[in-house]
Amino acid sequence: MANLFFSYSHKDEELRNELEVHLSMLKRQGLLRAWHDRRIGAGKDIHTNISAELEEANIVLLLVSASFLASDYCYDKEMSRALEKDSEGSARVIPVILHPCDWHNAPFGHLRATPLDGKPVSMFANRDEALTQVAKDIRSAVEDLGCPAQEVGVSQDIAPMQEQGFSTPRSSNLRVKKKFTDQEVDEFLDSSFEYISRYFEASLSELQARNQNITTKFKQIDTNCFTASIYDEGARASECTIWSGGDQSFIGGIAYYGGITTSRNQYNESLSIENDGYSLHLKPMGMSHYGMSEKKELSQEGAAEFYWGLLIERLQQ
């Protein structure tokens, strides 16, 4: 069983709690024991307990945020000792990027961070998606370390055959269709719009950083609408307005207009929420031509890239 130590700022305690929930399967399988300072009992010495647990750790998670980097205790004591253990080969240090911050220049900046590509957890439209990536990376680290599993209260006599190392033949064709509730559709619409909004904000920032002649502007009008503008040598080159509508809107999905507008009655393209009985997806109306030889199902990322293509195609012609 691997011992995992959480190094974090108390300001990020909510995210730490969410991440620990995602580690439940590793705990149930007897592969992981997770520890953080909230487990110190009343009357016990805080610093002595933290130091002892850190020395026993096989895996140290650095939950990285501006608050973490600003914490003298996290930075000078926990992180410094963790990196020493990493260099000695007695522990694996994994930076988990919670919020955007200047972490690349930190002493652990050379380490491969999680989620993938160091994208902050808070920048994901679906936070569970990010934390699942983190949990999978932690599982890989546990497997690399080769820590044997430990029994966690399940009798070997009644444990499932799979847990005893035997495999039972079964079909992999186990999916069944389901009906999606209005609440699930509404939540998917909200998370899709939020994902597209963050995708555009990050893409505009990177576009400006990579091109000296380009400046950009992202403006969040309200929770259901944002605008994006691209300027070439100060001249307006491309812009758009994207908004989300629900039952109160005639589009019922996410609309795109190739310009800046306050109207919700004009648009060049729209994405509707559909399902195949197994999952929800986005489907374009097909009014635009960018990348759409035919109508198709799109994931949140695919929908964001589709709309981004409509905005940037004017600069690529």
Protein backbone atom coordinates (compact mmCIF):
# COMPACT_ATOMS: atom_id res chain seq x y z
CA MET A 1 0.00 0.00 0.00
CA ALA A 2 1.33 3.42 -0.99
CA ASN A 3 1.26 6.27 1.53
CA LEU A 4 0.07 9.51 -0.04
CA PHE A 5 0.69 12.92 1.54
CA PHE A 6 -1.36 15.99 0.60
CA SER A 7 0.65 19.23 0.60
CA TYR A 8 -1.87 22.05 0.15
CA SER A 9 -3.11 25.44 1.24
CA HIS A 10 -6.16 25.38 3.49
CA LYS A 11 -7.77 27.83 1.07
CA ASP A 12 -7.92 24.91 -1.38
CA GLU A 13 -9.44 22.47 1.10
CA GLU A 14 -12.66 22.07 -0.88
CA LEU A 15 -10.80 20.82 -3.95
CA ARG A 16 -8.61 18.58 -1.80
CA ASN A 17 -11.76 16.96 -0.41
CA GLU A 18 -13.17 16.44 -3.91
CA LEU A 19 -9.91 14.87 -5.09
CA GLU A 20 -9.85 12.49 -2.14
CA VAL A 21 -13.31 11.23 -3.10
CA HIS A 22 -11.91 10.38 -6.55
CA LEU A 23 -9.21 8.26 -4.87
CA SER A 24 -11.82 6.02 -3.23
CA MET A 25 -11.27 3.06 -5.58
CA LEU A 26 -7.55 3.03 -4.85
CA LYS A 27 -8.36 2.99 -1.14
CA ARG A 28 -10.98 0.24 -1.50
CA GLN A 29 -8.48 -1.91 -3.40
CA GLY A 30 -5.97 -1.55 -0.58
CA LEU A 31 -3.51 0.27 -2.85
CA LEU A 32 -3.48 3.68 -1.20
CA ARG A 33 -3.57 5.38 2.20
CA ALA A 34 -4.09 9.14 1.97
CA TRP A 35 -3.12 11.59 4.72
CA HIS A 36 -3.48 15.34 5.29
CA ASP A 37 -3.11 17.58 8.31
CA ARG A 38 -6.84 17.56 9.12
CA ARG A 39 -6.29 14.01 10.42
CA ILE A 40 -4.10 15.22 13.27
CA GLY A 41 -5.89 14.46 16.54
CA ALA A 42 -6.63 17.07 19.18
CA GLY A 43 -3.69 17.68 21.51
CA LYS A 44 -1.09 16.22 19.13
CA ASP A 45 1.87 18.23 17.92
CA ILE A 46 1.08 19.53 14.43
CA HIS A 47 4.62 19.93 13.09
CA THR A 48 5.84 16.59 14.46
CA ASN A 49 2.91 14.73 12.88
CA ILE A 50 3.26 16.47 9.52
CA SER A 51 7.00 15.73 9.43
CA ALA A 52 6.48 12.07 10.37
CA GLU A 53 3.80 11.51 7.72
CA LEU A 54 5.86 13.27 5.06
CA GLU A 55 8.83 10.99 5.81
CA GLU A 56 6.60 7.91 5.45
CA ALA A 57 5.06 9.08 2.16
CA ASN A 58 5.68 7.22 -1.10
CA ILE A 59 3.69 9.81 -3.06
CA VAL A 60 3.50 13.53 -2.31
CA LEU A 61 0.78 15.54 -4.01
CA LEU A 62 1.51 19.24 -4.35
CA LEU A 63 -1.91 20.88 -4.77
CA VAL A 64 -0.70 23.92 -6.66
CA SER A 65 -2.38 27.32 -6.64
CA ALA A 66 -1.33 30.89 -5.97
CA SER A 67 -2.22 30.27 -2.31
CA PHE A 68 0.05 27.22 -2.22
CA LEU A 69 2.95 29.16 -3.72
CA ALA A 70 2.37 32.00 -1.23
CA SER A 71 2.39 29.65 1.79
CA ASP A 72 5.80 29.64 3.50
CA TYR A 73 5.03 26.33 5.22
CA CYS A 74 3.93 24.57 2.01
CA TYR A 75 6.76 26.02 -0.06
CA ASP A 76 9.74 26.03 2.31
CA LYS A 77 9.02 22.99 4.46
CA GLU A 78 6.72 20.48 2.77
CA MET A 79 7.66 21.09 -0.87
CA SER A 80 11.40 21.36 -0.19
CA ARG A 81 11.51 18.07 1.73
CA ALA A 82 9.26 16.39 -0.83
CA LEU A 83 11.63 17.31 -3.67
CA GLU A 84 14.56 16.00 -1.64
CA LYS A 85 12.75 12.69 -1.24
CA ASP A 86 12.00 12.69 -4.97
CA SER A 87 15.71 13.18 -5.75
CA GLU A 88 16.62 10.40 -3.30
CA GLY A 89 14.13 8.10 -4.98
CA SER A 90 12.17 7.57 -1.74
CA ALA A 91 9.00 9.30 -2.97
CA ARG A 92 7.22 10.39 -6.12
CA VAL A 93 6.25 14.09 -6.22
CA ILE A 94 3.20 14.89 -8.37
CA PRO A 95 2.17 18.53 -8.92
CA VAL A 96 -1.62 18.82 -9.23
CA ILE A 97 -2.48 22.18 -10.77
CA LEU A 98 -5.66 23.44 -9.11
CA HIS A 99 -5.78 27.04 -10.32
CA PRO A 100 -3.89 29.16 -12.90
CA CYS A 101 -0.63 30.44 -11.36
CA ASP A 102 3.06 30.94 -12.18
CA TRP A 103 4.04 27.36 -11.27
CA HIS A 104 6.36 26.64 -14.21
CA ASN A 105 9.09 28.72 -12.55
CA ALA A 106 8.79 26.88 -9.22
CA PRO A 107 11.40 24.28 -8.16
CA PHE A 108 8.99 21.51 -9.23
CA GLY A 109 8.33 23.13 -12.63
CA HIS A 110 10.37 20.42 -14.39
CA LEU A 111 8.05 17.67 -13.17
CA ARG A 112 5.19 16.38 -15.29
CA ALA A 113 2.06 17.89 -13.77
CA THR A 114 -1.52 16.66 -13.76
CA PRO A 115 -4.18 17.11 -15.15
CA LEU A 116 -2.79 16.56 -18.65
CA ASP A 117 -0.54 19.38 -19.90
CA GLY A 118 -0.86 21.12 -16.54
CA LYS A 119 -4.31 22.46 -17.36
CA PRO A 120 -5.73 23.76 -14.05
CA VAL A 121 -8.58 21.76 -12.53
CA SER A 122 -10.62 24.95 -12.16
CA MET A 123 -10.41 25.58 -15.92
CA PHE A 124 -12.29 22.38 -16.80
CA ALA A 125 -15.96 22.77 -17.66
CA ASN A 126 -16.54 19.48 -15.83
CA ARG A 127 -14.41 19.35 -12.67
CA ASP A 128 -14.98 15.59 -12.29
CA GLU A 129 -13.27 15.06 -15.66
CA ALA A 130 -10.15 16.82 -14.36
CA LEU A 131 -10.08 14.98 -11.03
CA THR A 132 -10.55 11.65 -12.79
CA GLN A 133 -7.42 12.40 -14.84
CA VAL A 134 -5.57 13.16 -11.61
CA ALA A 135 -6.78 9.93 -10.00
CA LYS A 136 -5.63 7.90 -13.02
CA ASP A 137 -2.17 9.50 -12.87
CA ILE A 138 -1.96 8.65 -9.17
CA ARG A 139 -2.96 5.05 -9.94
CA SER A 140 -0.16 4.88 -12.53
CA ALA A 141 2.32 6.16 -9.94
CA VAL A 142 1.17 3.54 -7.42
CA GLU A 143 1.62 0.83 -10.04
CA ASP A 144 5.08 2.13 -10.95
CA LEU A 145 6.13 2.08 -7.31
CA GLY A 146 5.04 -1.55 -7.05
CA CYS A 147 3.49 -1.18 -3.60
CA PRO A 148 1.59 -4.41 -2.76
CA ALA A 149 -2.11 -4.18 -1.99
CA GLN A 150 -3.24 -4.47 1.61
CA GLU A 151 -6.46 -6.06 2.82
CA VAL A 152 -9.10 -3.47 3.68
CA GLY A 153 -11.64 -5.47 5.64
CA VAL A 154 -12.89 -7.89 2.96
CA SER A 155 -12.70 -11.58 3.84
CA GLN A 156 -10.64 -13.56 1.32
CA ASP A 157 -13.26 -16.30 1.47
CA ILE A 158 -16.07 -14.02 0.27
CA ALA A 159 -14.07 -11.57 -1.83
CA PRO A 160 -15.07 -11.46 -5.51
CA MET A 161 -13.06 -13.76 -7.76
CA GLN A 162 -11.61 -10.74 -9.57
CA GLU A 163 -10.12 -9.47 -6.28
CA GLN A 164 -8.51 -12.89 -5.68
CA GLY A 165 -6.70 -12.69 -9.00
CA PHE A 166 -9.08 -14.89 -11.03
CA SER A 167 -10.81 -13.72 -14.15
CA THR A 168 -14.41 -14.59 -14.91
CA PRO A 169 -15.47 -14.53 -18.58
CA ARG A 170 -18.21 -12.04 -19.37
CA SER A 171 -19.46 -9.93 -22.24
CA SER A 172 -18.14 -6.42 -22.75
CA ASN A 173 -21.44 -5.48 -24.41
CA LEU A 174 -23.18 -4.18 -21.29
CA ARG A 175 -24.43 -0.73 -22.24
CA VAL A 176 -28.16 -0.11 -22.15
CA LYS A 177 -30.07 2.92 -23.33
CA LYS A 178 -31.44 5.43 -20.85
CA LYS A 179 -33.69 8.45 -20.81
CA PHE A 180 -32.07 11.76 -19.94
CA THR A 181 -33.97 14.05 -17.62
CA ASP A 182 -34.57 17.74 -18.26
CA GLN A 183 -32.20 18.47 -15.40
CA GLU A 184 -29.40 16.43 -17.00
CA VAL A 185 -29.92 18.21 -20.32
CA ASP A 186 -29.90 21.64 -18.64
CA GLU A 187 -26.73 20.80 -16.70
CA PHE A 188 -25.03 19.58 -19.87
CA LEU A 189 -26.01 22.78 -21.65
CA ASP A 190 -24.60 24.91 -18.82
CA SER A 191 -21.34 22.95 -18.59
CA SER A 192 -20.94 23.00 -22.40
CA PHE A 193 -21.32 26.78 -22.56
CA GLU A 194 -18.88 27.21 -19.66
CA TYR A 195 -16.39 24.91 -21.43
CA ILE A 196 -16.67 26.87 -24.71
CA SER A 197 -16.27 30.14 -22.80
CA ARG A 198 -13.07 29.00 -21.10
CA TYR A 199 -11.80 27.46 -24.34
CA PHE A 200 -12.19 30.79 -26.16
CA GLU A 201 -10.62 32.82 -23.36
CA ALA A 202 -7.54 30.55 -23.25
CA SER A 203 -7.28 30.34 -27.06
CA LEU A 204 -7.46 34.12 -27.48
CA SER A 205 -4.72 34.56 -24.89
CA GLU A 206 -2.46 32.02 -26.59
CA LEU A 207 -3.17 33.48 -30.05
CA GLN A 208 -2.02 36.90 -28.88
CA ALA A 209 1.06 35.45 -27.16
CA ARG A 210 2.18 33.68 -30.33
CA ASN A 211 1.63 36.52 -32.82
CA GLN A 212 3.18 39.98 -32.35
CA ASN A 213 0.72 41.68 -34.67
CA ILE A 214 -2.35 40.17 -33.01
CA THR A 215 -4.24 41.48 -30.00
CA THR A 216 -7.40 39.93 -28.63
CA LYS A 217 -10.26 40.70 -26.28
CA PHE A 218 -12.53 38.35 -24.38
CA LYS A 219 -15.57 39.86 -22.67
CA GLN A 220 -17.99 37.97 -20.46
CA ILE A 221 -21.31 39.77 -20.95
CA ASP A 222 -23.19 37.64 -18.41
CA THR A 223 -23.35 34.01 -17.33
CA ASN A 224 -24.96 33.07 -20.64
CA CYS A 225 -23.10 35.23 -23.15
CA PHE A 226 -19.58 36.30 -24.12
CA THR A 227 -17.88 38.09 -27.02
CA ALA A 228 -14.49 37.48 -28.63
CA SER A 229 -12.53 39.95 -30.75
CA ILE A 230 -9.29 39.60 -32.73
CA TYR A 231 -7.34 42.64 -33.97
CA ASP A 232 -4.57 42.55 -36.58
CA GLU A 233 -2.23 45.57 -36.21
CA GLY A 234 -5.05 47.25 -34.29
CA ALA A 235 -7.62 46.70 -37.05
CA ARG A 236 -10.65 44.57 -36.28
CA ALA A 237 -10.07 41.25 -38.05
CA SER A 238 -12.71 38.92 -36.61
CA GLU A 239 -15.23 38.89 -33.81
CA CYS A 240 -18.19 36.92 -32.55
CA THR A 241 -20.90 36.69 -29.94
CA ILE A 242 -21.76 33.33 -28.39
CA TRP A 243 -24.68 32.79 -26.07
CA SER A 244 -26.56 29.98 -24.42
CA GLY A 245 -30.31 29.58 -24.55
CA GLY A 246 -32.66 27.14 -22.86
CA ASP A 247 -36.39 26.68 -22.81
CA GLN A 248 -36.80 30.46 -22.81
CA SER A 249 -34.86 30.79 -26.08
CA PHE A 250 -35.97 29.84 -29.56
CA ILE A 251 -32.57 28.24 -30.28
CA GLY A 252 -32.65 26.01 -27.20
CA GLY A 253 -28.89 25.49 -27.41
CA ILE A 254 -25.71 27.51 -27.96
CA ALA A 255 -25.70 30.12 -30.75
CA TYR A 256 -22.88 31.76 -32.70
CA TYR A 257 -23.04 35.14 -34.46
CA GLY A 258 -20.10 36.45 -36.49
CA GLY A 259 -20.05 39.91 -34.95
CA ILE A 260 -20.80 41.81 -31.76
CA THR A 261 -24.50 41.96 -30.99
CA THR A 262 -26.89 42.33 -28.08
CA SER A 263 -29.68 40.68 -30.05
CA ARG A 264 -30.65 37.07 -29.44
CA ASN A 265 -32.61 36.84 -32.68
CA GLN A 266 -29.76 36.65 -35.20
CA TYR A 267 -27.14 33.94 -35.49
CA ASN A 268 -25.00 32.18 -38.10
CA GLU A 269 -24.86 28.78 -36.41
CA SER A 270 -26.32 26.98 -33.43
CA LEU A 271 -25.59 23.83 -31.45
CA SER A 272 -28.46 21.76 -30.07
CA ILE A 273 -28.30 19.20 -27.27
CA GLU A 274 -29.08 15.69 -28.47
CA ASN A 275 -28.49 12.14 -27.27
CA ASP A 276 -28.20 8.66 -28.73
CA GLY A 277 -29.63 6.94 -25.68
CA TYR A 278 -26.18 6.51 -24.17
CA SER A 279 -24.70 10.00 -23.84
CA LEU A 280 -25.45 13.66 -24.46
CA HIS A 281 -23.70 15.50 -27.28
CA LEU A 282 -23.88 18.70 -29.30
CA LYS A 283 -25.00 18.85 -32.91
CA PRO A 284 -24.59 21.83 -35.26
CA MET A 285 -27.46 23.05 -37.37
CA GLY A 286 -25.13 23.10 -40.38
CA MET A 287 -25.65 26.73 -41.45
CA SER A 288 -21.88 27.35 -41.63
CA HIS A 289 -19.39 25.42 -43.68
CA TYR A 290 -16.29 25.34 -41.48
CA GLY A 291 -15.17 21.73 -41.02
CA MET A 292 -18.69 20.48 -41.66
CA SER A 293 -18.94 18.35 -44.75
CA GLU A 294 -21.90 16.81 -42.97
CA LYS A 295 -23.72 17.25 -39.69
CA LYS A 296 -22.13 15.26 -36.89
CA GLU A 297 -22.13 14.71 -33.15
CA LEU A 298 -19.68 16.85 -31.21
CA SER A 299 -18.18 16.61 -27.74
CA GLN A 300 -17.78 19.78 -25.68
CA GLU A 301 -14.19 20.12 -26.93
CA GLY A 302 -15.26 19.40 -30.52
CA ALA A 303 -18.00 22.03 -30.30
CA ALA A 304 -15.58 24.61 -28.86
CA GLU A 305 -13.07 23.95 -31.66
CA PHE A 306 -15.86 24.13 -34.26
CA TYR A 307 -16.91 27.60 -33.09
CA TRP A 308 -13.26 28.68 -32.72
CA GLY A 309 -12.75 27.70 -36.36
CA LEU A 310 -15.56 30.01 -37.41
CA LEU A 311 -13.87 32.91 -35.63
CA ILE A 312 -10.31 32.36 -36.81
CA GLU A 313 -10.96 31.27 -40.40
CA ARG A 314 -11.01 34.92 -41.53
CA LEU A 315 -7.36 35.25 -40.48
CA GLN A 316 -6.34 32.05 -42.24
CA GLN A 317 -7.81 32.68 -45.68
